[in-house]
Amino acid sequence: MFKGVIPAIVTPFKEDSSIDYRGLEKNIEFLERYVDAIVPAGTTGEAATLSYEEHIEVVKFVVETSNVPVIAGSGSNSTKEAVWLTKEVEKAGADAALLITPYYNKPNQQGLYEHYKIIAKEVSLPLIIYNVPSRTAVNIAPETVAKLSEIDNYVGIKEASGDLKQISKIIQLTASKNFVVLSGDDLMTLPILAIGGEGVISVAANVVPKMMKEMVDAYKSGNVKKAAELNLRLLPLFEVLFIETNPMPVKKALDLIGLAGGKPRLPLVELSADKTEKLRAVLKELNLLNP
């Protein structure tokens, strides 16, 4: 569950902005042939604009639909809210929870530690820390991660700091623990595997789950050359999927390849026409568009 390729899945919406559950089911059926687990209701799933009721309903639906483990997003910048939400996804049947660092508040390292420690006391689920300073304006230090790895619930971290020195330090400090480091950035997946990471929680895997799985498996089996070739082939996709704020590009990509994306909810908007053409060109080069 905590290794390999784990797509952070989108929440597809209909024209009226309601959740497209039929489309969500179609996406899951496409993904589960290749991936090791899936993450609903995270950043890519637009958790910030889901109501609490929708958040829990999406997790419950994914649990009931999926044939692979479900790691549900349940973080918040309010510790009380994060505890409540994590309890709710546990009740909904999630196999684990992904907890983003508190955003906007800008807690110090002691505050981060206390936040995560309190959540762990309230649930029995395996928990994964999510560090993405570009979104949250706070970075969780390797030493804080190491302290949290001593708590049984914490099984890993999704690292999207982009700092290989920091990620190497986390791997070094948690080496004696049953604790995994997962890339939180598709561009960094291969380098993170090279320093001891175990996989990726991925945006690109929504679109190319088979190729992402082939890349990670190739590296893990010792075929570094094949992994490097696949990484270079996927590089234009990794870049274009962040041509605008995630998940704007990946939702459009899913629509273009015949899966379910739909428009994002405001304040995010649909990808512009010129950027859609750039995305379309990359998808065509990867033979992902219908002839």
Protein backbone atom coordinates (compact mmCIF):
# COMPACT_ATOMS: atom_id res chain seq x y z
CA MET A 1 0.00 0.00 0.00
CA PHE A 2 2.81 2.44 0.79
CA LYS A 3 5.13 1.69 -2.13
CA GLY A 4 5.06 1.95 -5.90
CA VAL A 5 2.69 4.18 -7.85
CA ILE A 6 -0.21 5.83 -6.05
CA PRO A 7 -2.24 8.36 -8.06
CA ALA A 8 -3.75 11.30 -6.22
CA ILE A 9 -7.06 11.11 -8.06
CA VAL A 10 -9.20 14.00 -9.29
CA THR A 11 -12.77 14.59 -8.20
CA PRO A 12 -14.62 14.89 -11.53
CA PHE A 13 -17.47 17.39 -11.64
CA LYS A 14 -20.51 17.69 -13.88
CA GLU A 15 -21.46 20.93 -15.66
CA ASP A 16 -23.46 22.02 -12.60
CA SER A 17 -20.37 21.44 -10.42
CA SER A 18 -21.88 18.43 -8.64
CA ILE A 19 -19.70 15.33 -8.26
CA ASP A 20 -19.64 13.00 -11.26
CA TYR A 21 -19.68 9.64 -9.49
CA ARG A 22 -20.08 7.69 -12.72
CA GLY A 23 -16.99 9.42 -14.09
CA LEU A 24 -15.13 8.76 -10.84
CA GLU A 25 -15.94 5.07 -11.12
CA LYS A 26 -14.70 5.03 -14.73
CA ASN A 27 -11.41 6.64 -13.67
CA ILE A 28 -10.91 4.14 -10.85
CA GLU A 29 -11.55 1.18 -13.17
CA PHE A 30 -8.89 2.56 -15.53
CA LEU A 31 -6.33 3.09 -12.76
CA GLU A 32 -6.64 0.00 -10.62
CA ARG A 33 -5.19 -2.28 -13.32
CA TYR A 34 -1.81 -0.68 -12.83
CA VAL A 35 -1.45 1.14 -9.52
CA ASP A 36 -0.68 0.11 -5.95
CA ALA A 37 -3.19 2.35 -4.14
CA ILE A 38 -5.14 5.54 -4.76
CA VAL A 39 -5.57 8.83 -2.89
CA PRO A 40 -9.00 10.52 -3.03
CA ALA A 41 -9.87 13.91 -1.55
CA GLY A 42 -6.38 15.34 -1.59
CA THR A 43 -5.06 18.47 -3.29
CA THR A 44 -5.57 16.95 -6.75
CA GLY A 45 -9.05 15.93 -5.62
CA GLU A 46 -9.89 19.57 -4.78
CA ALA A 47 -10.53 18.81 -1.14
CA ALA A 48 -10.39 22.54 -0.39
CA THR A 49 -13.67 23.11 -2.23
CA LEU A 50 -15.47 19.93 -1.16
CA SER A 51 -17.95 20.29 1.67
CA TYR A 52 -17.38 18.00 4.65
CA GLU A 53 -20.31 15.86 3.50
CA GLU A 54 -18.92 15.60 -0.05
CA HIS A 55 -15.44 14.81 1.25
CA ILE A 56 -16.70 11.83 3.26
CA GLU A 57 -19.05 10.71 0.48
CA VAL A 58 -16.20 10.71 -2.05
CA VAL A 59 -13.96 8.66 0.24
CA LYS A 60 -16.77 6.22 0.99
CA PHE A 61 -17.58 5.84 -2.72
CA VAL A 62 -13.93 5.25 -3.61
CA VAL A 63 -13.56 2.66 -0.84
CA GLU A 64 -16.65 0.81 -2.09
CA THR A 65 -15.56 1.03 -5.74
CA SER A 66 -11.82 0.45 -5.63
CA ASN A 67 -10.04 -2.90 -5.73
CA VAL A 68 -6.79 -1.32 -4.50
CA PRO A 69 -6.07 0.25 -1.10
CA VAL A 70 -7.42 3.73 -0.42
CA ILE A 71 -5.32 6.40 1.29
CA ALA A 72 -7.74 9.23 2.00
CA GLY A 73 -6.78 12.87 2.28
CA SER A 74 -7.88 14.19 5.65
CA GLY A 75 -5.58 17.04 6.59
CA SER A 76 -6.47 20.54 7.71
CA ASN A 77 -4.88 23.67 9.14
CA SER A 78 -7.09 23.15 12.19
CA THR A 79 -5.93 20.27 14.38
CA LYS A 80 -9.45 19.71 15.71
CA GLU A 81 -10.82 19.55 12.16
CA ALA A 82 -8.04 17.20 11.01
CA VAL A 83 -8.81 14.85 13.91
CA TRP A 84 -12.51 14.86 13.06
CA LEU A 85 -11.93 14.34 9.35
CA THR A 86 -9.43 11.53 9.91
CA LYS A 87 -11.88 9.77 12.21
CA GLU A 88 -14.55 10.12 9.52
CA VAL A 89 -12.41 8.64 6.72
CA GLU A 90 -11.50 5.81 9.07
CA LYS A 91 -15.24 5.14 9.59
CA ALA A 92 -15.70 5.33 5.81
CA GLY A 93 -13.32 2.41 5.40
CA ALA A 94 -10.12 4.07 4.20
CA ASP A 95 -6.99 1.94 4.60
CA ALA A 96 -4.83 4.92 5.57
CA ALA A 97 -4.89 8.72 5.67
CA LEU A 98 -2.73 11.41 4.07
CA LEU A 99 -2.27 14.52 6.22
CA ILE A 100 -1.03 17.75 4.68
CA THR A 101 0.95 20.07 6.93
CA PRO A 102 -1.25 22.85 8.34
CA TYR A 103 -1.43 25.65 5.78
CA TYR A 104 -1.73 29.42 6.23
CA ASN A 105 -1.23 29.32 10.04
CA LYS A 106 2.57 28.83 9.57
CA PRO A 107 3.16 26.79 12.77
CA ASN A 108 6.71 26.25 14.01
CA GLN A 109 8.23 22.77 14.29
CA GLN A 110 6.87 22.20 17.79
CA GLY A 111 3.39 23.11 16.59
CA LEU A 112 3.71 20.72 13.65
CA TYR A 113 4.83 17.92 15.93
CA GLU A 114 1.97 18.47 18.39
CA HIS A 115 -0.56 18.66 15.53
CA TYR A 116 0.48 15.32 14.10
CA LYS A 117 0.90 13.67 17.49
CA ILE A 118 -2.63 14.52 18.57
CA ILE A 119 -4.12 13.13 15.34
CA ALA A 120 -2.24 9.86 15.82
CA LYS A 121 -3.65 9.46 19.33
CA GLU A 122 -7.23 9.70 18.07
CA VAL A 123 -7.20 7.09 15.28
CA SER A 124 -5.79 3.65 14.57
CA LEU A 125 -5.26 4.23 10.84
CA PRO A 126 -1.78 4.24 9.30
CA LEU A 127 -0.91 7.86 8.61
CA ILE A 128 1.25 9.57 5.97
CA ILE A 129 2.60 13.09 6.42
CA TYR A 130 2.38 15.35 3.37
CA ASN A 131 5.00 18.08 3.01
CA VAL A 132 4.40 20.59 0.20
CA PRO A 133 5.80 23.99 1.23
CA SER A 134 4.83 25.63 -2.08
CA ARG A 135 1.17 25.14 -1.12
CA THR A 136 1.29 25.51 2.65
CA ALA A 137 4.01 28.11 3.34
CA VAL A 138 5.53 25.79 5.96
CA ASN A 139 8.20 23.10 5.72
CA ILE A 140 8.37 20.17 8.11
CA ALA A 141 12.00 19.59 9.08
CA PRO A 142 13.69 16.18 8.82
CA GLU A 143 14.21 16.14 12.59
CA THR A 144 10.47 16.64 13.15
CA VAL A 145 9.67 13.87 10.69
CA ALA A 146 12.11 11.60 12.55
CA LYS A 147 10.36 12.30 15.86
CA LEU A 148 6.98 11.52 14.28
CA SER A 149 8.32 8.28 12.78
CA GLU A 150 8.66 7.00 16.36
CA ILE A 151 4.84 7.12 16.66
CA ASP A 152 3.44 3.80 15.46
CA ASN A 153 0.71 5.28 13.24
CA TYR A 154 3.14 7.24 11.09
CA VAL A 155 4.27 4.99 8.28
CA GLY A 156 5.67 7.49 5.80
CA ILE A 157 5.86 10.92 4.22
CA LYS A 158 4.86 12.30 0.84
CA GLU A 159 7.70 14.70 0.15
CA ALA A 160 7.14 17.56 -2.30
CA SER A 161 9.67 20.07 -0.99
CA GLY A 162 11.89 19.57 -4.06
CA ASP A 163 14.92 19.52 -1.76
CA LEU A 164 16.93 16.33 -2.27
CA LYS A 165 19.22 17.19 0.64
CA GLN A 166 16.25 17.41 2.97
CA ILE A 167 14.71 14.22 1.58
CA SER A 168 18.04 12.38 1.96
CA LYS A 169 18.19 13.52 5.58
CA ILE A 170 14.67 12.19 6.24
CA ILE A 171 15.64 8.82 4.78
CA GLN A 172 18.81 8.78 6.87
CA LEU A 173 17.06 9.73 10.13
CA THR A 174 14.21 7.23 9.69
CA ALA A 175 16.30 4.33 8.33
CA SER A 176 15.81 2.23 11.45
CA LYS A 177 12.03 2.72 11.41
CA ASN A 178 9.32 1.06 9.36
CA PHE A 179 8.87 4.36 7.54
CA VAL A 180 8.75 5.11 3.81
CA VAL A 181 9.49 8.21 1.78
CA LEU A 182 7.29 8.77 -1.27
CA SER A 183 7.85 11.41 -3.92
CA GLY A 184 5.13 14.03 -4.04
CA ASP A 185 6.40 15.44 -7.33
CA ASP A 186 6.44 13.41 -10.55
CA LEU A 187 9.56 15.21 -11.76
CA MET A 188 11.42 14.11 -8.62
CA THR A 189 10.31 10.50 -8.57
CA LEU A 190 13.38 8.93 -10.16
CA PRO A 191 15.89 10.98 -8.12
CA ILE A 192 14.00 10.16 -4.92
CA LEU A 193 13.98 6.46 -5.79
CA ALA A 194 17.74 6.73 -6.30
CA ILE A 195 18.31 8.00 -2.74
CA GLY A 196 16.06 5.41 -1.11
CA GLY A 197 12.47 6.47 -1.74
CA GLU A 198 9.83 3.81 -2.25
CA GLY A 199 7.51 5.30 -4.86
CA VAL A 200 5.33 8.26 -5.72
CA ILE A 201 1.96 9.78 -4.92
CA SER A 202 1.42 11.03 -8.42
CA VAL A 203 -0.56 13.47 -10.54
CA ALA A 204 0.71 12.07 -13.86
CA ALA A 205 -0.40 8.55 -12.93
CA ASN A 206 -4.00 9.69 -13.45
CA VAL A 207 -3.13 9.89 -17.14
CA VAL A 208 -0.29 7.35 -17.61
CA PRO A 209 -0.57 4.81 -14.77
CA LYS A 210 0.97 2.01 -16.83
CA MET A 211 4.04 4.01 -17.82
CA MET A 212 4.56 5.33 -14.30
CA LYS A 213 4.34 1.81 -12.94
CA GLU A 214 6.80 0.57 -15.58
CA MET A 215 9.27 3.32 -14.65
CA VAL A 216 9.15 2.62 -10.91
CA ASP A 217 9.25 -1.15 -11.38
CA ALA A 218 12.16 -0.88 -13.81
CA TYR A 219 14.20 1.10 -11.31
CA LYS A 220 13.29 -1.23 -8.44
CA SER A 221 14.29 -4.29 -10.47
CA GLY A 222 17.68 -2.79 -11.29
CA ASN A 223 16.96 -1.70 -14.86
CA VAL A 224 18.05 1.88 -14.31
CA LYS A 225 18.53 2.54 -18.02
CA LYS A 226 14.91 1.66 -18.81
CA ALA A 227 13.67 3.73 -15.88
CA ALA A 228 15.72 6.71 -17.07
CA GLU A 229 14.40 6.36 -20.62
CA LEU A 230 10.81 6.28 -19.41
CA ASN A 231 11.44 9.27 -17.16
CA LEU A 232 12.77 11.29 -20.10
CA ARG A 233 9.84 10.25 -22.26
CA LEU A 234 7.41 11.36 -19.57
CA LEU A 235 9.24 14.60 -18.77
CA PRO A 236 7.13 16.78 -21.12
CA LEU A 237 3.97 15.43 -19.47
CA PHE A 238 5.34 16.08 -15.98
CA GLU A 239 6.02 19.67 -17.02
CA VAL A 240 2.77 20.40 -18.86
CA LEU A 241 0.64 19.02 -16.01
CA PHE A 242 1.93 21.96 -13.97
CA ILE A 243 1.59 24.59 -16.68
CA GLU A 244 -1.18 25.92 -14.40
CA THR A 245 -2.22 25.22 -10.83
CA ASN A 246 -2.90 21.54 -10.17
CA PRO A 247 -5.45 20.03 -10.90
CA MET A 248 -6.45 22.34 -13.78
CA PRO A 249 -4.20 20.65 -16.39
CA VAL A 250 -4.73 17.05 -15.27
CA LYS A 251 -8.53 17.45 -15.32
CA LYS A 252 -8.34 18.71 -18.90
CA ALA A 253 -5.95 15.88 -19.81
CA LEU A 254 -8.43 13.30 -18.51
CA ASP A 255 -11.20 14.85 -20.60
CA LEU A 256 -8.96 14.78 -23.68
CA ILE A 257 -8.12 11.07 -23.32
CA GLY A 258 -11.72 10.02 -22.74
CA LEU A 259 -11.82 9.82 -18.96
CA ALA A 260 -13.60 12.09 -16.48
CA GLY A 261 -12.13 15.39 -15.40
CA GLY A 262 -14.64 18.17 -15.75
CA LYS A 263 -14.09 21.80 -14.84
CA PRO A 264 -12.45 22.59 -11.51
CA ARG A 265 -14.47 24.39 -8.88
CA LEU A 266 -13.89 28.09 -8.39
CA PRO A 267 -11.59 29.79 -7.64
CA LEU A 268 -9.78 27.42 -10.03
CA VAL A 269 -10.91 27.68 -13.64
CA GLU A 270 -10.76 25.57 -16.77
CA LEU A 271 -7.44 25.47 -18.63
CA SER A 272 -7.13 28.19 -21.29
CA ALA A 273 -7.33 27.33 -24.98
CA ASP A 274 -3.65 28.00 -25.71
CA LYS A 275 -2.47 25.89 -22.77
CA THR A 276 -4.93 23.16 -23.71
CA GLU A 277 -3.25 22.98 -27.13
CA LYS A 278 0.15 22.58 -25.47
CA LEU A 279 -1.29 19.80 -23.35
CA ARG A 280 -2.91 18.17 -26.36
CA ALA A 281 0.42 18.16 -28.22
CA VAL A 282 2.16 16.33 -25.35
CA LEU A 283 -0.66 13.78 -25.08
CA LYS A 284 -0.51 13.19 -28.83
CA GLU A 285 3.25 12.60 -28.67
CA LEU A 286 2.60 9.92 -26.03
CA ASN A 287 -0.07 8.31 -28.27
CA LEU A 288 -2.75 8.97 -25.68
CA LEU A 289 -5.28 10.66 -27.93
CA ASN A 290 -7.76 8.76 -30.07
CA PRO A 291 -6.77 8.80 -33.77
